[in-house]
């Protein structure tokens, strides 16, 4: 599963951040969507609209750090389809199955999600009493896709699905501040990234279409088709869509992660779940995953923000005689298991995606898959 890479110790150092911004001059907006709120977001953050074999203009990431090292092949090798494409591709793509816009109900209350109407605008009243408007917060159906340099869908591979936290936007935060695509590249793993937009710039953990039964499975299937189009291999859509999945949920992304487990429909294809300072609730769903997906792995790393909840989870695991580690061991792919990782008190919640138990923690997890 691993791509060539060298100098594995480099990733543990704090790396100099190299900004990458998607602008209107680089990515152009695709065809109009039937969802009326999209025009608002198209004006603010232009996006590609990838459908079938339509070509995609892409933005390459900086030269990956660390540099290539000797390849290590996973045990199972599928039949080759075509030579791997060497160049990376990164794009913002509209999805029909994206979490938002969403016009259904909130499963915990049975009430409509869009429960406020004012001057022709629709919005969602939060539990705090404020209103978040669909046109500015819940109208963005774009997904950040990244295919690293040298990725080869004909070899064992994995799809990393990243759920951002509160107050986030894909370009500004997931791409440029948290360096998630670059961490996928730097890991050296044969992996692709899929990162949906949830509430834009808001303190909200609503899961949208991922609340629906089978919603996450529909999203992963569509991701397969969009990744294949981005990779100029439309015939490989099923292969992309059938990749094993690892969910990485940061902070408020824990709610969509819980629903992806509860009724997402992905089953045993979900090979790993990583909470990055995100164990704020939904404990029953995570315990269910640990107990019933024994061949998969569960990692929860935390600061003081979620220390109490992680200590509670540790007690629950002990009561049920479920062992867990306090560090991330190698061979996650084969070993599975549970790890609860406390970070140093100097680690900040805001920086957790780039500086947690180590620099570039997502790259570190992928490095330990085999």
Protein backbone atom coordinates (compact mmCIF):
# COMPACT_ATOMS: atom_id res chain seq x y z
CA UNK A 1 0.00 0.00 0.00
CA UNK A 2 2.94 2.27 0.56
CA UNK A 3 4.39 4.62 -2.01
CA UNK A 4 8.11 5.42 -2.20
CA UNK A 5 9.36 7.70 0.56
CA UNK A 6 12.58 8.46 2.47
CA UNK A 7 13.60 9.90 5.81
CA UNK A 8 10.63 8.77 7.94
CA UNK A 9 11.90 10.71 10.95
CA UNK A 10 11.44 13.99 9.10
CA UNK A 11 7.67 13.93 9.57
CA UNK A 12 8.06 14.14 13.35
CA UNK A 13 9.63 17.55 13.13
CA UNK A 14 7.61 20.72 12.89
CA UNK A 15 7.52 21.42 9.19
CA UNK A 16 7.58 24.80 7.54
CA UNK A 17 4.11 25.44 6.24
CA UNK A 18 3.74 26.13 2.53
CA UNK A 19 0.45 27.89 1.72
CA UNK A 20 -1.68 26.76 -1.19
CA UNK A 21 -4.79 28.69 -2.10
CA UNK A 22 -7.50 27.80 -4.61
CA UNK A 23 -8.63 30.98 -6.34
CA UNK A 24 -10.98 31.93 -9.12
CA UNK A 25 -7.99 32.26 -11.40
CA UNK A 26 -7.10 28.60 -10.91
CA UNK A 27 -10.35 26.72 -10.48
CA UNK A 28 -13.43 27.59 -12.51
CA UNK A 29 -17.01 26.95 -11.51
CA UNK A 30 -18.80 24.14 -13.28
CA UNK A 31 -22.36 23.93 -14.49
CA UNK A 32 -25.15 25.32 -12.37
CA UNK A 33 -26.64 23.08 -9.71
CA UNK A 34 -30.31 22.65 -8.97
CA UNK A 35 -29.66 23.64 -5.37
CA UNK A 36 -30.27 27.35 -5.12
CA UNK A 37 -27.74 28.07 -2.37
CA UNK A 38 -24.81 26.95 -4.55
CA UNK A 39 -24.57 30.26 -6.40
CA UNK A 40 -23.72 32.00 -3.14
CA UNK A 41 -20.80 29.68 -2.58
CA UNK A 42 -19.71 29.68 -6.21
CA UNK A 43 -19.14 33.41 -5.90
CA UNK A 44 -17.13 33.07 -2.68
CA UNK A 45 -15.18 29.87 -3.37
CA UNK A 46 -15.17 28.71 -7.02
CA UNK A 47 -15.28 24.95 -7.55
CA UNK A 48 -14.96 22.29 -10.18
CA UNK A 49 -18.05 20.34 -11.15
CA UNK A 50 -16.80 16.86 -12.04
CA UNK A 51 -19.28 14.55 -13.73
CA UNK A 52 -18.34 11.38 -15.58
CA UNK A 53 -15.41 12.02 -17.89
CA UNK A 54 -15.44 15.83 -17.83
CA UNK A 55 -11.88 17.13 -17.57
CA UNK A 56 -10.74 18.83 -14.38
CA UNK A 57 -8.30 21.68 -13.94
CA UNK A 58 -6.19 20.89 -10.90
CA UNK A 59 -3.81 22.55 -8.47
CA UNK A 60 -0.64 20.59 -7.62
CA UNK A 61 0.53 20.54 -4.04
CA UNK A 62 4.12 21.51 -3.20
CA UNK A 63 6.77 18.84 -3.66
CA UNK A 64 5.90 16.30 -0.96
CA UNK A 65 7.93 16.22 2.22
CA UNK A 66 9.53 13.84 3.18
CA UNK A 67 11.11 12.52 0.00
CA UNK A 68 10.48 9.07 -1.54
CA UNK A 69 11.74 5.93 0.16
CA UNK A 70 11.79 2.25 -0.72
CA UNK A 71 8.36 0.86 -1.57
CA UNK A 72 6.71 -1.71 0.68
CA UNK A 73 3.94 -3.64 -1.03
CA UNK A 74 0.89 -4.85 0.89
CA UNK A 75 0.12 -8.57 0.96
CA UNK A 76 -2.79 -8.60 -1.49
CA UNK A 77 -2.21 -7.26 -5.00
CA UNK A 78 -5.20 -6.71 -7.31
CA UNK A 79 -4.74 -7.15 -11.05
CA UNK A 80 -3.12 -4.21 -12.80
CA UNK A 81 -5.32 -1.95 -14.91
CA UNK A 82 -2.92 0.70 -16.18
CA UNK A 83 0.29 2.47 -15.14
CA UNK A 84 0.00 4.88 -12.19
CA UNK A 85 -0.33 8.60 -12.88
CA UNK A 86 2.66 10.46 -11.39
CA UNK A 87 1.20 13.95 -10.95
CA UNK A 88 -0.93 14.90 -7.93
CA UNK A 89 -4.44 16.24 -8.39
CA UNK A 90 -6.37 18.38 -5.95
CA UNK A 91 -9.82 19.84 -6.60
CA UNK A 92 -13.02 21.10 -5.04
CA UNK A 93 -15.89 19.10 -6.52
CA UNK A 94 -19.68 19.32 -6.20
CA UNK A 95 -21.38 16.19 -4.84
CA UNK A 96 -25.06 15.26 -5.09
CA UNK A 97 -24.65 13.20 -1.89
CA UNK A 98 -22.71 15.84 0.08
CA UNK A 99 -23.91 16.46 3.65
CA UNK A 100 -25.45 19.79 2.62
CA UNK A 101 -27.76 21.31 1.47
CA UNK A 102 -30.13 19.20 3.56
CA UNK A 103 -33.93 19.51 3.74
CA UNK A 104 -34.71 16.52 5.94
CA UNK A 105 -35.26 16.14 9.67
CA UNK A 106 -33.00 16.07 12.71
CA UNK A 107 -33.05 12.45 13.93
CA UNK A 108 -32.82 13.32 17.62
CA UNK A 109 -35.93 15.53 17.50
CA UNK A 110 -37.83 14.49 14.38
CA UNK A 111 -38.18 18.18 13.54
CA UNK A 112 -37.28 19.76 10.18
CA UNK A 113 -33.62 20.77 10.01
CA UNK A 114 -34.51 24.04 8.28
CA UNK A 115 -36.96 25.25 10.91
CA UNK A 116 -36.76 29.03 10.45
CA UNK A 117 -38.06 31.13 7.55
CA UNK A 118 -37.48 34.88 7.37
CA UNK A 119 -37.82 37.17 4.36
CA UNK A 120 -37.60 34.22 2.00
CA UNK A 121 -34.52 32.79 3.69
CA UNK A 122 -34.41 29.37 5.33
CA UNK A 123 -32.32 28.62 8.37
CA UNK A 124 -31.62 26.25 11.22
CA UNK A 125 -32.17 27.33 14.82
CA UNK A 126 -29.43 25.82 16.94
CA UNK A 127 -29.72 24.45 20.45
CA UNK A 128 -28.19 27.71 21.68
CA UNK A 129 -31.04 29.68 20.15
CA UNK A 130 -29.12 31.28 17.29
CA UNK A 131 -30.01 30.89 13.61
CA UNK A 132 -27.65 29.62 10.93
CA UNK A 133 -28.87 30.41 7.42
CA UNK A 134 -28.84 27.88 4.61
CA UNK A 135 -27.57 30.44 2.10
CA UNK A 136 -24.38 31.12 4.04
CA UNK A 137 -23.83 28.07 6.27
CA UNK A 138 -25.57 25.00 4.85
CA UNK A 139 -25.52 25.54 1.08
CA UNK A 140 -22.06 24.28 0.14
CA UNK A 141 -22.06 20.85 -1.50
CA UNK A 142 -18.38 20.80 -2.41
CA UNK A 143 -15.88 18.15 -1.40
CA UNK A 144 -12.11 18.46 -1.36
CA UNK A 145 -10.48 15.59 -3.28
CA UNK A 146 -6.78 14.84 -3.37
CA UNK A 147 -4.92 12.14 -5.29
CA UNK A 148 -1.22 12.16 -4.37
CA UNK A 149 1.67 11.90 -6.74
CA UNK A 150 2.24 8.26 -7.67
CA UNK A 151 -1.12 6.98 -6.44
CA UNK A 152 -2.03 3.70 -8.14
CA UNK A 153 -5.60 2.41 -7.83
CA UNK A 154 -4.50 -0.99 -9.10
CA UNK A 155 -2.52 -1.60 -5.90
CA UNK A 156 -3.87 -1.97 -2.35
CA UNK A 157 -5.04 1.47 -1.31
CA UNK A 158 -7.22 3.31 1.18
CA UNK A 159 -9.67 6.23 1.12
CA UNK A 160 -9.22 8.70 3.96
CA UNK A 161 -12.43 10.63 4.68
CA UNK A 162 -11.75 13.74 6.76
CA UNK A 163 -14.49 15.43 8.81
CA UNK A 164 -13.51 18.96 9.79
CA UNK A 165 -14.56 20.62 13.01
CA UNK A 166 -16.36 23.83 13.89
CA UNK A 167 -15.61 27.14 12.22
CA UNK A 168 -14.00 25.60 9.15
CA UNK A 169 -13.94 26.03 5.39
CA UNK A 170 -12.30 23.56 3.04
CA UNK A 171 -9.82 25.84 1.26
CA UNK A 172 -8.78 28.09 4.11
CA UNK A 173 -8.62 25.45 6.84
CA UNK A 174 -8.50 21.84 5.60
CA UNK A 175 -6.26 22.59 2.61
CA UNK A 176 -4.08 25.51 3.68
CA UNK A 177 -4.04 25.65 7.49
CA UNK A 178 -4.30 21.99 8.45
CA UNK A 179 -2.37 20.69 5.44
CA UNK A 180 -4.52 17.57 5.21
CA UNK A 181 -3.85 16.83 1.50
CA UNK A 182 -0.14 17.37 2.00
CA UNK A 183 -0.15 15.02 4.99
CA UNK A 184 -1.73 12.33 2.82
CA UNK A 185 1.02 12.87 0.24
CA UNK A 186 3.82 13.02 2.82
CA UNK A 187 2.72 9.76 4.45
CA UNK A 188 3.92 7.83 1.42
CA UNK A 189 0.83 5.61 1.56
CA UNK A 190 -1.22 4.65 -1.47
CA UNK A 191 -4.13 6.75 -0.21
CA UNK A 192 -6.62 9.31 -1.48
CA UNK A 193 -8.39 12.05 0.46
CA UNK A 194 -12.09 12.91 0.49
CA UNK A 195 -13.11 15.84 2.73
CA UNK A 196 -16.75 17.07 2.65
CA UNK A 197 -17.83 20.53 3.71
CA UNK A 198 -20.16 20.59 6.69
CA UNK A 199 -21.39 23.84 8.28
CA UNK A 200 -19.30 26.69 6.88
CA UNK A 201 -17.53 28.81 9.49
CA UNK A 202 -19.99 27.87 12.21
CA UNK A 203 -20.00 26.21 15.62
CA UNK A 204 -22.25 23.39 14.44
CA UNK A 205 -21.85 19.60 14.16
CA UNK A 206 -24.92 18.83 12.04
CA UNK A 207 -24.42 15.75 9.87
CA UNK A 208 -26.96 16.60 7.13
CA UNK A 209 -27.41 13.74 4.66
CA UNK A 210 -25.12 11.58 6.79
CA UNK A 211 -28.03 11.43 9.25
CA UNK A 212 -29.94 9.42 6.64
CA UNK A 213 -29.75 5.61 6.56
CA UNK A 214 -27.14 4.67 3.98
CA UNK A 215 -26.16 8.31 3.50
CA UNK A 216 -22.47 7.75 4.08
CA UNK A 217 -22.36 4.75 1.75
CA UNK A 218 -23.95 6.81 -1.04
CA UNK A 219 -21.34 9.49 -0.43
CA UNK A 220 -18.43 7.01 -0.62
CA UNK A 221 -19.84 5.51 -3.84
CA UNK A 222 -20.07 8.95 -5.42
CA UNK A 223 -16.56 9.73 -4.17
CA UNK A 224 -15.38 6.72 -6.14
CA UNK A 225 -16.86 8.10 -9.35
CA UNK A 226 -15.52 11.62 -8.75
CA UNK A 227 -12.05 10.37 -7.86
CA UNK A 228 -11.98 8.22 -11.00
CA UNK A 229 -12.95 11.25 -13.10
CA UNK A 230 -10.31 13.38 -11.37
CA UNK A 231 -7.76 10.64 -12.07
CA UNK A 232 -8.85 10.45 -15.73
CA UNK A 233 -9.86 6.81 -15.19
CA UNK A 234 -13.67 6.75 -15.35
CA UNK A 235 -13.65 2.98 -15.83
CA UNK A 236 -12.05 2.65 -12.38
CA UNK A 237 -15.01 4.24 -10.54
CA UNK A 238 -16.04 0.95 -8.90
CA UNK A 239 -12.46 0.24 -7.82
CA UNK A 240 -12.17 3.68 -6.21
CA UNK A 241 -15.61 3.32 -4.62
CA UNK A 242 -14.71 -0.06 -3.11
CA UNK A 243 -11.55 1.12 -1.38
CA UNK A 244 -11.44 0.45 2.37
CA UNK A 245 -12.22 3.61 4.32
CA UNK A 246 -10.61 5.34 7.29
CA UNK A 247 -12.58 8.18 8.88
CA UNK A 248 -10.54 10.92 10.54
CA UNK A 249 -12.83 13.23 12.54
CA UNK A 250 -11.47 16.37 14.13
CA UNK A 251 -13.26 18.10 17.01
CA UNK A 252 -16.93 18.71 16.10
CA UNK A 253 -16.65 16.19 13.27
CA UNK A 254 -17.42 13.50 15.83
CA UNK A 255 -21.19 13.71 15.22
CA UNK A 256 -21.02 12.89 11.48
CA UNK A 257 -18.52 10.15 12.38
CA UNK A 258 -20.97 8.63 14.87
CA UNK A 259 -23.76 8.58 12.28
CA UNK A 260 -21.43 7.11 9.66
CA UNK A 261 -21.04 4.20 12.09
CA UNK A 262 -24.64 4.03 13.28
CA UNK A 263 -26.46 3.96 9.97
CA UNK A 264 -24.01 4.89 7.27
CA UNK A 265 -24.24 1.40 5.82
CA UNK A 266 -20.54 0.99 5.06
CA UNK A 267 -20.13 -2.10 7.25
CA UNK A 268 -16.77 -3.83 7.44
CA UNK A 269 -15.38 -1.67 4.66
CA UNK A 270 -14.82 0.93 7.39
CA UNK A 271 -11.36 -0.15 8.50
CA UNK A 272 -10.46 2.62 10.92
CA UNK A 273 -11.89 5.49 12.94
CA UNK A 274 -9.69 8.28 14.28
CA UNK A 275 -11.00 10.97 16.63
CA UNK A 276 -8.70 13.96 16.86
CA UNK A 277 -9.63 15.68 20.12
CA UNK A 278 -13.21 14.86 19.19
CA UNK A 279 -14.69 12.55 21.84
CA UNK A 280 -17.32 15.05 23.00
CA UNK A 281 -20.22 12.61 22.95
CA UNK A 282 -21.95 9.78 21.03
CA UNK A 283 -20.05 7.33 23.25
CA UNK A 284 -22.41 4.42 22.59
CA UNK A 285 -21.73 4.54 18.85
CA UNK A 286 -17.98 4.48 19.34
CA UNK A 287 -18.17 1.63 21.84
CA UNK A 288 -20.37 -0.25 19.34
CA UNK A 289 -17.72 0.23 16.67
CA UNK A 290 -14.95 -1.00 18.98
CA UNK A 291 -16.91 -4.10 20.01
CA UNK A 292 -18.21 -5.08 16.59
CA UNK A 293 -15.46 -4.01 14.16
CA UNK A 294 -12.70 -6.01 15.86
CA UNK A 295 -10.60 -6.25 12.73
CA UNK A 296 -10.64 -2.44 12.40
CA UNK A 297 -8.85 0.11 14.55
CA UNK A 298 -10.06 2.93 16.76
CA UNK A 299 -7.83 5.82 17.84
CA UNK A 300 -8.80 8.72 20.07
CA UNK A 301 -6.16 11.30 20.87
CA UNK A 302 -6.95 14.23 23.11
CA UNK A 303 -6.04 17.43 24.90
CA UNK A 304 -7.64 18.70 28.10
CA UNK A 305 -10.73 19.51 25.98
CA UNK A 306 -11.81 15.87 25.83
CA UNK A 307 -9.69 14.27 28.55
CA UNK A 308 -12.67 13.55 30.81
CA UNK A 309 -14.58 11.78 28.03
CA UNK A 310 -11.53 9.73 27.07
CA UNK A 311 -11.01 8.67 30.68
CA UNK A 312 -14.66 7.59 30.78
CA UNK A 313 -14.15 5.57 27.60
CA UNK A 314 -11.09 3.93 29.15
CA UNK A 315 -13.15 2.87 32.17
CA UNK A 316 -15.86 1.45 29.92
CA UNK A 317 -13.28 -0.54 27.97
CA UNK A 318 -11.79 -1.93 31.16
CA UNK A 319 -15.24 -2.92 32.44
CA UNK A 320 -15.86 -4.84 29.22
CA UNK A 321 -12.37 -6.40 29.23
CA UNK A 322 -11.40 -4.66 25.99
CA UNK A 323 -7.66 -3.93 25.91
CA UNK A 324 -6.30 -0.64 24.64
CA UNK A 325 -2.91 0.93 24.04
CA UNK A 326 -1.66 4.37 25.03
CA UNK A 327 0.40 4.75 21.89
CA UNK A 328 -0.14 3.97 18.24
CA UNK A 329 1.60 0.76 17.32
CA UNK A 330 2.61 -0.37 13.87
CA UNK A 331 0.67 -2.84 11.73
CA UNK A 332 -2.68 -1.16 12.43
CA UNK A 333 -4.07 -2.69 9.26
CA UNK A 334 -3.49 -6.22 10.50
CA UNK A 335 -3.68 -5.75 14.27
CA UNK A 336 -6.70 -3.47 14.60
CA UNK A 337 -7.26 -2.59 18.22
CA UNK A 338 -7.84 0.53 20.29
CA UNK A 339 -5.48 3.36 21.23
CA UNK A 340 -6.22 6.29 23.55
CA UNK A 341 -3.46 8.88 23.21
CA UNK A 342 -3.01 11.76 25.63
CA UNK A 343 -0.98 14.67 24.29
CA UNK A 344 1.31 17.07 26.13
CA UNK A 345 -0.35 20.01 27.83
CA UNK A 346 1.36 22.39 25.38
CA UNK A 347 -0.66 20.99 22.46
CA UNK A 348 -3.46 23.33 21.42
CA UNK A 349 -6.85 22.10 20.27
CA UNK A 350 -6.81 24.47 17.29
CA UNK A 351 -3.48 23.05 16.07
CA UNK A 352 -4.35 19.39 16.68
CA UNK A 353 -4.56 18.35 13.02
CA UNK A 354 -0.95 19.45 12.44
CA UNK A 355 0.60 19.13 15.93
CA UNK A 356 -0.79 16.43 18.25
CA UNK A 357 1.17 13.47 19.66
CA UNK A 358 3.58 14.23 16.78
CA UNK A 359 3.86 16.66 13.90
CA UNK A 360 1.57 15.74 10.99
CA UNK A 361 -0.45 13.15 12.94
CA UNK A 362 -2.56 12.02 9.98
CA UNK A 363 0.63 11.15 8.10
CA UNK A 364 1.83 9.31 11.21
CA UNK A 365 -1.31 7.16 11.39
CA UNK A 366 -1.05 6.23 7.72
CA UNK A 367 2.62 5.41 8.22
CA UNK A 368 1.66 2.90 10.91
CA UNK A 369 -0.90 1.03 8.82
CA UNK A 370 1.70 -1.58 7.90
